[in-house]
Full PDB file with SEQRES, HELIX, SHEET, SSBOND, CRYST1, ORIGX, SCALE, CONECT and MASTER records, all heavy atoms in Angstrom:
SEQRES   1 A   30  ASN LEU ALA SER ALA GLU ALA THR GLN SER ASN PRO LEU          
SEQRES   2 A   30  PHE ALA LYS SER THR LEU GLN TYR GLN ALA PRO ASP PHE          
SEQRES   3 A   30  ARG LEU ILE LYS                                              
HELIX    1 AA1 ALA A    5  SER A   10  1                                   6    
HELIX    2 AA2 PRO A   12  PHE A   14  5                                   3    
HELIX    3 AA3 GLN A   20  GLN A   22  5                                   3    
CRYST1    1.000    1.000    1.000  90.00  90.00  90.00 P 1           1          
ORIGX1      1.000000  0.000000  0.000000        0.00000                         
ORIGX2      0.000000  1.000000  0.000000        0.00000                         
ORIGX3      0.000000  0.000000  1.000000        0.00000                         
SCALE1      1.000000  0.000000  0.000000        0.00000                         
SCALE2      0.000000  1.000000  0.000000        0.00000                         
SCALE3      0.000000  0.000000  1.000000        0.00000                         
ATOM      1  N   ASN A   1     -33.592 -71.149 -80.561  1.00  0.00           N  
ATOM      2  CA  ASN A   1     -32.379 -70.338 -80.594  1.00  0.00           C  
ATOM      3  C   ASN A   1     -31.261 -71.059 -81.308  1.00  0.00           C  
ATOM      4  O   ASN A   1     -31.107 -72.270 -81.185  1.00  0.00           O  
ATOM      5  CB  ASN A   1     -31.935 -70.008 -79.170  1.00  0.00           C  
ATOM      6  CG  ASN A   1     -32.939 -69.135 -78.445  1.00  0.00           C  
ATOM      7  OD1 ASN A   1     -33.471 -68.205 -79.032  1.00  0.00           O  
ATOM      8  ND2 ASN A   1     -33.193 -69.444 -77.182  1.00  0.00           N  
ATOM      9  N   LEU A   2     -30.467 -70.299 -82.031  1.00  0.00           N  
ATOM     10  CA  LEU A   2     -29.285 -70.874 -82.645  1.00  0.00           C  
ATOM     11  C   LEU A   2     -28.325 -71.325 -81.551  1.00  0.00           C  
ATOM     12  O   LEU A   2     -28.229 -70.721 -80.479  1.00  0.00           O  
ATOM     13  CB  LEU A   2     -28.610 -69.836 -83.539  1.00  0.00           C  
ATOM     14  CG  LEU A   2     -29.355 -69.493 -84.839  1.00  0.00           C  
ATOM     15  CD1 LEU A   2     -28.692 -68.295 -85.504  1.00  0.00           C  
ATOM     16  CD2 LEU A   2     -29.361 -70.678 -85.775  1.00  0.00           C  
ATOM     17  N   ALA A   3     -27.612 -72.414 -81.827  1.00  0.00           N  
ATOM     18  CA  ALA A   3     -26.694 -72.942 -80.823  1.00  0.00           C  
ATOM     19  C   ALA A   3     -25.567 -71.959 -80.560  1.00  0.00           C  
ATOM     20  O   ALA A   3     -25.223 -71.121 -81.400  1.00  0.00           O  
ATOM     21  CB  ALA A   3     -26.130 -74.276 -81.300  1.00  0.00           C  
ATOM     22  N   SER A   4     -24.998 -72.027 -79.404  1.00  0.00           N  
ATOM     23  CA  SER A   4     -23.862 -71.172 -79.069  1.00  0.00           C  
ATOM     24  C   SER A   4     -22.676 -71.532 -79.942  1.00  0.00           C  
ATOM     25  O   SER A   4     -22.608 -72.623 -80.518  1.00  0.00           O  
ATOM     26  CB  SER A   4     -23.500 -71.358 -77.598  1.00  0.00           C  
ATOM     27  OG  SER A   4     -22.988 -72.666 -77.395  1.00  0.00           O  
ATOM     28  N   ALA A   5     -21.737 -70.599 -80.016  1.00  0.00           N  
ATOM     29  CA  ALA A   5     -20.553 -70.843 -80.841  1.00  0.00           C  
ATOM     30  C   ALA A   5     -19.794 -72.069 -80.367  1.00  0.00           C  
ATOM     31  O   ALA A   5     -19.308 -72.874 -81.170  1.00  0.00           O  
ATOM     32  CB  ALA A   5     -19.650 -69.612 -80.810  1.00  0.00           C  
ATOM     33  N   GLU A   6     -19.733 -72.244 -79.046  1.00  0.00           N  
ATOM     34  CA  GLU A   6     -19.011 -73.393 -78.496  1.00  0.00           C  
ATOM     35  C   GLU A   6     -19.685 -74.698 -78.882  1.00  0.00           C  
ATOM     36  O   GLU A   6     -19.029 -75.656 -79.312  1.00  0.00           O  
ATOM     37  CB  GLU A   6     -18.946 -73.269 -76.972  1.00  0.00           C  
ATOM     38  CG  GLU A   6     -18.152 -74.395 -76.306  1.00  0.00           C  
ATOM     39  CD  GLU A   6     -18.092 -74.242 -74.801  1.00  0.00           C  
ATOM     40  OE1 GLU A   6     -18.474 -73.165 -74.294  1.00  0.00           O  
ATOM     41  OE2 GLU A   6     -17.659 -75.194 -74.143  1.00  0.00           O  
ATOM     42  N   ALA A   7     -21.026 -74.741 -78.757  1.00  0.00           N  
ATOM     43  CA  ALA A   7     -21.757 -75.956 -79.116  1.00  0.00           C  
ATOM     44  C   ALA A   7     -21.639 -76.233 -80.598  1.00  0.00           C  
ATOM     45  O   ALA A   7     -21.530 -77.380 -81.025  1.00  0.00           O  
ATOM     46  CB  ALA A   7     -23.221 -75.813 -78.707  1.00  0.00           C  
ATOM     47  N   THR A   8     -21.662 -75.161 -81.382  1.00  0.00           N  
ATOM     48  CA  THR A   8     -21.551 -75.319 -82.832  1.00  0.00           C  
ATOM     49  C   THR A   8     -20.226 -75.959 -83.212  1.00  0.00           C  
ATOM     50  O   THR A   8     -20.163 -76.854 -84.055  1.00  0.00           O  
ATOM     51  CB  THR A   8     -21.688 -73.951 -83.521  1.00  0.00           C  
ATOM     52  OG1 THR A   8     -22.973 -73.408 -83.227  1.00  0.00           O  
ATOM     53  CG2 THR A   8     -21.518 -74.081 -85.028  1.00  0.00           C  
ATOM     54  N   GLN A   9     -19.154 -75.484 -82.578  1.00  0.00           N  
ATOM     55  CA  GLN A   9     -17.829 -76.000 -82.918  1.00  0.00           C  
ATOM     56  C   GLN A   9     -17.662 -77.466 -82.536  1.00  0.00           C  
ATOM     57  O   GLN A   9     -16.923 -78.200 -83.187  1.00  0.00           O  
ATOM     58  CB  GLN A   9     -16.757 -75.149 -82.224  1.00  0.00           C  
ATOM     59  CG  GLN A   9     -16.653 -73.744 -82.797  1.00  0.00           C  
ATOM     60  CD  GLN A   9     -15.708 -72.862 -82.000  1.00  0.00           C  
ATOM     61  OE1 GLN A   9     -15.150 -73.301 -80.994  1.00  0.00           O  
ATOM     62  NE2 GLN A   9     -15.534 -71.618 -82.436  1.00  0.00           N  
ATOM     63  N   SER A  10     -18.357 -77.902 -81.482  1.00  0.00           N  
ATOM     64  CA  SER A  10     -18.198 -79.278 -81.027  1.00  0.00           C  
ATOM     65  C   SER A  10     -19.178 -80.247 -81.683  1.00  0.00           C  
ATOM     66  O   SER A  10     -19.101 -81.453 -81.460  1.00  0.00           O  
ATOM     67  CB  SER A  10     -18.385 -79.338 -79.504  1.00  0.00           C  
ATOM     68  OG  SER A  10     -19.714 -78.968 -79.157  1.00  0.00           O  
ATOM     69  N   ASN A  11     -20.086 -79.720 -82.484  1.00  0.00           N  
ATOM     70  CA  ASN A  11     -21.112 -80.546 -83.125  1.00  0.00           C  
ATOM     71  C   ASN A  11     -20.753 -80.756 -84.595  1.00  0.00           C  
ATOM     72  O   ASN A  11     -20.775 -79.800 -85.383  1.00  0.00           O  
ATOM     73  CB  ASN A  11     -22.473 -79.856 -82.997  1.00  0.00           C  
ATOM     74  CG  ASN A  11     -23.627 -80.752 -83.436  1.00  0.00           C  
ATOM     75  OD1 ASN A  11     -23.493 -81.559 -84.350  1.00  0.00           O  
ATOM     76  ND2 ASN A  11     -24.769 -80.592 -82.787  1.00  0.00           N  
ATOM     77  N   PRO A  12     -20.423 -81.984 -85.007  1.00  0.00           N  
ATOM     78  CA  PRO A  12     -19.961 -82.216 -86.381  1.00  0.00           C  
ATOM     79  C   PRO A  12     -21.022 -81.934 -87.436  1.00  0.00           C  
ATOM     80  O   PRO A  12     -20.683 -81.750 -88.612  1.00  0.00           O  
ATOM     81  CB  PRO A  12     -19.581 -83.698 -86.373  1.00  0.00           C  
ATOM     82  CG  PRO A  12     -20.387 -84.300 -85.270  1.00  0.00           C  
ATOM     83  CD  PRO A  12     -20.472 -83.225 -84.219  1.00  0.00           C  
ATOM     84  N   LEU A  13     -22.288 -81.892 -87.056  1.00  0.00           N  
ATOM     85  CA  LEU A  13     -23.344 -81.658 -88.042  1.00  0.00           C  
ATOM     86  C   LEU A  13     -23.400 -80.204 -88.507  1.00  0.00           C  
ATOM     87  O   LEU A  13     -24.002 -79.900 -89.539  1.00  0.00           O  
ATOM     88  CB  LEU A  13     -24.704 -82.063 -87.464  1.00  0.00           C  
ATOM     89  CG  LEU A  13     -24.877 -83.557 -87.182  1.00  0.00           C  
ATOM     90  CD1 LEU A  13     -26.162 -83.814 -86.407  1.00  0.00           C  
ATOM     91  CD2 LEU A  13     -24.880 -84.363 -88.484  1.00  0.00           C  
ATOM     92  N   PHE A  14     -22.759 -79.300 -87.758  1.00  0.00           N  
ATOM     93  CA  PHE A  14     -22.816 -77.888 -88.121  1.00  0.00           C  
ATOM     94  C   PHE A  14     -21.879 -77.538 -89.277  1.00  0.00           C  
ATOM     95  O   PHE A  14     -21.942 -76.431 -89.804  1.00  0.00           O  
ATOM     96  CB  PHE A  14     -22.499 -77.018 -86.908  1.00  0.00           C  
ATOM     97  CG  PHE A  14     -23.683 -76.801 -86.009  1.00  0.00           C  
ATOM     98  CD1 PHE A  14     -24.023 -77.743 -85.055  1.00  0.00           C  
ATOM     99  CD2 PHE A  14     -24.467 -75.668 -86.135  1.00  0.00           C  
ATOM    100  CE1 PHE A  14     -25.112 -77.555 -84.232  1.00  0.00           C  
ATOM    101  CE2 PHE A  14     -25.567 -75.473 -85.316  1.00  0.00           C  
ATOM    102  CZ  PHE A  14     -25.902 -76.420 -84.358  1.00  0.00           C  
ATOM    103  N   ALA A  15     -21.025 -78.451 -89.655  1.00  0.00           N  
ATOM    104  CA  ALA A  15     -20.112 -78.202 -90.775  1.00  0.00           C  
ATOM    105  C   ALA A  15     -20.204 -79.359 -91.766  1.00  0.00           C  
ATOM    106  O   ALA A  15     -20.561 -80.483 -91.399  1.00  0.00           O  
ATOM    107  CB  ALA A  15     -18.682 -78.066 -90.270  1.00  0.00           C  
ATOM    108  N   LYS A  16     -19.884 -79.074 -93.010  1.00  0.00           N  
ATOM    109  CA  LYS A  16     -19.852 -80.136 -94.013  1.00  0.00           C  
ATOM    110  C   LYS A  16     -18.837 -81.195 -93.607  1.00  0.00           C  
ATOM    111  O   LYS A  16     -17.758 -80.877 -93.117  1.00  0.00           O  
ATOM    112  CB  LYS A  16     -19.465 -79.574 -95.387  1.00  0.00           C  
ATOM    113  CG  LYS A  16     -20.524 -78.731 -96.053  1.00  0.00           C  
ATOM    114  CD  LYS A  16     -20.053 -78.308 -97.441  1.00  0.00           C  
ATOM    115  CE  LYS A  16     -21.110 -77.478 -98.157  1.00  0.00           C  
ATOM    116  NZ  LYS A  16     -20.666 -77.064 -99.521  1.00  0.00           N  
ATOM    117  N   SER A  17     -19.188 -82.441 -93.826  1.00  0.00           N  
ATOM    118  CA  SER A  17     -18.243 -83.515 -93.557  1.00  0.00           C  
ATOM    119  C   SER A  17     -17.038 -83.374 -94.481  1.00  0.00           C  
ATOM    120  O   SER A  17     -17.166 -83.013 -95.659  1.00  0.00           O  
ATOM    121  CB  SER A  17     -18.913 -84.871 -93.795  1.00  0.00           C  
ATOM    122  OG  SER A  17     -17.955 -85.912 -93.805  1.00  0.00           O  
ATOM    123  N   THR A  18     -15.876 -83.654 -93.944  1.00  0.00           N  
ATOM    124  CA  THR A  18     -14.652 -83.593 -94.751  1.00  0.00           C  
ATOM    125  C   THR A  18     -14.395 -84.903 -95.480  1.00  0.00           C  
ATOM    126  O   THR A  18     -13.422 -85.006 -96.243  1.00  0.00           O  
ATOM    127  CB  THR A  18     -13.443 -83.265 -93.860  1.00  0.00           C  
ATOM    128  OG1 THR A  18     -13.333 -84.264 -92.843  1.00  0.00           O  
ATOM    129  CG2 THR A  18     -13.603 -81.902 -93.216  1.00  0.00           C  
ATOM    130  N   LEU A  19     -15.242 -85.907 -95.244  1.00  0.00           N  
ATOM    131  CA  LEU A  19     -15.082 -87.170 -95.947  1.00  0.00           C  
ATOM    132  C   LEU A  19     -15.525 -87.022 -97.406  1.00  0.00           C  
ATOM    133  O   LEU A  19     -16.234 -86.076 -97.772  1.00  0.00           O  
ATOM    134  CB  LEU A  19     -15.902 -88.271 -95.265  1.00  0.00           C  
ATOM    135  CG  LEU A  19     -15.515 -88.605 -93.826  1.00  0.00           C  
ATOM    136  CD1 LEU A  19     -16.438 -89.679 -93.264  1.00  0.00           C  
ATOM    137  CD2 LEU A  19     -14.057 -89.063 -93.749  1.00  0.00           C  
ATOM    138  N   GLN A  20     -15.115 -87.974 -98.230  1.00  0.00           N  
ATOM    139  CA  GLN A  20     -15.435 -87.899 -99.659  1.00  0.00           C  
ATOM    140  C   GLN A  20     -16.938 -87.728 -99.882  1.00  0.00           C  
ATOM    141  O   GLN A  20     -17.757 -88.436 -99.296  1.00  0.00           O  
ATOM    142  CB  GLN A  20     -14.946 -89.172-100.357  1.00  0.00           C  
ATOM    143  CG  GLN A  20     -15.103 -89.129-101.871  1.00  0.00           C  
ATOM    144  CD  GLN A  20     -14.467 -90.345-102.532  1.00  0.00           C  
ATOM    145  OE1 GLN A  20     -13.723 -91.087-101.902  1.00  0.00           O  
ATOM    146  NE2 GLN A  20     -14.761 -90.553-103.799  1.00  0.00           N  
ATOM    147  N   TYR A  21     -17.288 -86.769-100.736  1.00  0.00           N  
ATOM    148  CA  TYR A  21     -18.672 -86.462-101.122  1.00  0.00           C  
ATOM    149  C   TYR A  21     -19.556 -86.122 -99.921  1.00  0.00           C  
ATOM    150  O   TYR A  21     -20.757 -86.314 -99.950  1.00  0.00           O  
ATOM    151  CB  TYR A  21     -19.282 -87.609-101.936  1.00  0.00           C  
ATOM    152  CG  TYR A  21     -18.479 -87.979-103.161  1.00  0.00           C  
ATOM    153  CD1 TYR A  21     -18.515 -89.267-103.678  1.00  0.00           C  
ATOM    154  CD2 TYR A  21     -17.643 -87.047-103.778  1.00  0.00           C  
ATOM    155  CE1 TYR A  21     -17.761 -89.613-104.806  1.00  0.00           C  
ATOM    156  CE2 TYR A  21     -16.885 -87.391-104.892  1.00  0.00           C  
ATOM    157  CZ  TYR A  21     -16.943 -88.673-105.389  1.00  0.00           C  
ATOM    158  OH  TYR A  21     -16.188 -89.013-106.499  1.00  0.00           O  
ATOM    159  N   GLN A  22     -18.926 -85.640 -98.851  1.00  0.00           N  
ATOM    160  CA  GLN A  22     -19.643 -85.252 -97.623  1.00  0.00           C  
ATOM    161  C   GLN A  22     -20.347 -86.442 -96.960  1.00  0.00           C  
ATOM    162  O   GLN A  22     -21.364 -86.279 -96.281  1.00  0.00           O  
ATOM    163  CB  GLN A  22     -20.660 -84.149 -97.907  1.00  0.00           C  
ATOM    164  CG  GLN A  22     -20.062 -82.882 -98.500  1.00  0.00           C  
ATOM    165  CD  GLN A  22     -21.115 -81.879 -98.894  1.00  0.00           C  
ATOM    166  OE1 GLN A  22     -21.943 -81.483 -98.072  1.00  0.00           O  
ATOM    167  NE2 GLN A  22     -21.115 -81.485-100.158  1.00  0.00           N  
ATOM    168  N   ALA A  23     -19.803 -87.631 -97.163  1.00  0.00           N  
ATOM    169  CA  ALA A  23     -20.345 -88.799 -96.458  1.00  0.00           C  
ATOM    170  C   ALA A  23     -20.294 -88.524 -94.959  1.00  0.00           C  
ATOM    171  O   ALA A  23     -19.311 -87.976 -94.452  1.00  0.00           O  
ATOM    172  CB  ALA A  23     -19.527 -90.045 -96.795  1.00  0.00           C  
ATOM    173  N   PRO A  24     -21.348 -88.863 -94.215  1.00  0.00           N  
ATOM    174  CA  PRO A  24     -21.367 -88.550 -92.779  1.00  0.00           C  
ATOM    175  C   PRO A  24     -20.213 -89.222 -92.037  1.00  0.00           C  
ATOM    176  O   PRO A  24     -19.896 -90.385 -92.290  1.00  0.00           O  
ATOM    177  CB  PRO A  24     -22.715 -89.119 -92.318  1.00  0.00           C  
ATOM    178  CG  PRO A  24     -23.549 -89.206 -93.552  1.00  0.00           C  
ATOM    179  CD  PRO A  24     -22.591 -89.520 -94.661  1.00  0.00           C  
ATOM    180  N   ASP A  25     -19.609 -88.490 -91.113  1.00  0.00           N  
ATOM    181  CA  ASP A  25     -18.535 -89.065 -90.314  1.00  0.00           C  
ATOM    182  C   ASP A  25     -19.154 -89.653 -89.047  1.00  0.00           C  
ATOM    183  O   ASP A  25     -19.282 -88.982 -88.016  1.00  0.00           O  
ATOM    184  CB  ASP A  25     -17.494 -88.006 -89.953  1.00  0.00           C  
ATOM    185  CG  ASP A  25     -16.213 -88.637 -89.436  1.00  0.00           C  
ATOM    186  OD1 ASP A  25     -16.280 -89.791 -88.945  1.00  0.00           O  
ATOM    187  OD2 ASP A  25     -15.153 -88.009 -89.526  1.00  0.00           O  
ATOM    188  N   PHE A  26     -19.546 -90.899 -89.125  1.00  0.00           N  
ATOM    189  CA  PHE A  26     -20.243 -91.547 -88.018  1.00  0.00           C  
ATOM    190  C   PHE A  26     -19.346 -91.766 -86.802  1.00  0.00           C  
ATOM    191  O   PHE A  26     -19.846 -92.080 -85.722  1.00  0.00           O  
ATOM    192  CB  PHE A  26     -20.846 -92.875 -88.490  1.00  0.00           C  
ATOM    193  CG  PHE A  26     -21.931 -92.708 -89.516  1.00  0.00           C  
ATOM    194  CD1 PHE A  26     -21.718 -93.058 -90.844  1.00  0.00           C  
ATOM    195  CD2 PHE A  26     -23.162 -92.191 -89.153  1.00  0.00           C  
ATOM    196  CE1 PHE A  26     -22.716 -92.895 -91.787  1.00  0.00           C  
ATOM    197  CE2 PHE A  26     -24.172 -92.027 -90.092  1.00  0.00           C  
ATOM    198  CZ  PHE A  26     -23.948 -92.377 -91.412  1.00  0.00           C  
ATOM    199  N   ARG A  27     -18.049 -91.565 -86.948  1.00  0.00           N  
ATOM    200  CA  ARG A  27     -17.157 -91.653 -85.788  1.00  0.00           C  
ATOM    201  C   ARG A  27     -17.402 -90.490 -84.840  1.00  0.00           C  
ATOM    202  O   ARG A  27     -17.167 -90.596 -83.634  1.00  0.00           O  
ATOM    203  CB  ARG A  27     -15.693 -91.635 -86.247  1.00  0.00           C  
ATOM    204  CG  ARG A  27     -15.259 -92.816 -87.093  1.00  0.00           C  
ATOM    205  CD  ARG A  27     -13.908 -92.559 -87.735  1.00  0.00           C  
ATOM    206  NE  ARG A  27     -13.934 -91.365 -88.591  1.00  0.00           N  
ATOM    207  CZ  ARG A  27     -12.931 -90.988 -89.380  1.00  0.00           C  
ATOM    208  NH1 ARG A  27     -11.817 -91.696 -89.391  1.00  0.00           N  
ATOM    209  NH2 ARG A  27     -13.024 -89.902 -90.129  1.00  0.00           N  
ATOM    210  N   LEU A  28     -17.857 -89.360 -85.403  1.00  0.00           N  
ATOM    211  CA  LEU A  28     -17.987 -88.133 -84.619  1.00  0.00           C  
ATOM    212  C   LEU A  28     -19.420 -87.842 -84.195  1.00  0.00           C  
ATOM    213  O   LEU A  28     -19.655 -87.183 -83.177  1.00  0.00           O  
ATOM    214  CB  LEU A  28     -17.461 -86.940 -85.438  1.00  0.00           C  
ATOM    215  CG  LEU A  28     -16.029 -87.044 -85.969  1.00  0.00           C  
ATOM    216  CD1 LEU A  28     -15.699 -85.812 -86.802  1.00  0.00           C  
ATOM    217  CD2 LEU A  28     -15.038 -87.206 -84.829  1.00  0.00           C  
ATOM    218  N   ILE A  29     -20.395 -88.329 -84.973  1.00  0.00           N  
ATOM    219  CA  ILE A  29     -21.792 -87.966 -84.736  1.00  0.00           C  
ATOM    220  C   ILE A  29     -22.362 -88.767 -83.576  1.00  0.00           C  
ATOM    221  O   ILE A  29     -22.330 -89.997 -83.577  1.00  0.00           O  
ATOM    222  CB  ILE A  29     -22.634 -88.199 -86.015  1.00  0.00           C  
ATOM    223  CG1 ILE A  29     -22.115 -87.318 -87.160  1.00  0.00           C  
ATOM    224  CG2 ILE A  29     -24.106 -87.906 -85.753  1.00  0.00           C  
ATOM    225  CD1 ILE A  29     -22.722 -87.647 -88.512  1.00  0.00           C  
ATOM    226  N   LYS A  30     -22.896 -88.063 -82.588  1.00  0.00           N  
ATOM    227  CA  LYS A  30     -23.515 -88.678 -81.414  1.00  0.00           C  
ATOM    228  C   LYS A  30     -24.999 -88.307 -81.377  1.00  0.00           C  
ATOM    229  O   LYS A  30     -25.423 -87.321 -81.964  1.00  0.00           O  
ATOM    230  CB  LYS A  30     -22.840 -88.211 -80.116  1.00  0.00           C  
ATOM    231  CG  LYS A  30     -21.326 -88.331 -80.108  1.00  0.00           C  
ATOM    232  CD  LYS A  30     -20.861 -89.774 -80.249  1.00  0.00           C  
ATOM    233  CE  LYS A  30     -19.336 -89.868 -80.204  1.00  0.00           C  
ATOM    234  NZ  LYS A  30     -18.858 -91.240 -80.510  1.00  0.00           N  
TER     235      LYS A  30                                                      
MASTER        0    0    0    3    0    0    0    6  234    1    0    3          
END                                                                             
């Protein structure tokens, strides 16, 4: 099942990283 809207919003992997060239934001990824 697709994640709920709430889970999607709290999961940084569901959106493109805002860092340069979409470098992963390891501060947020758990």
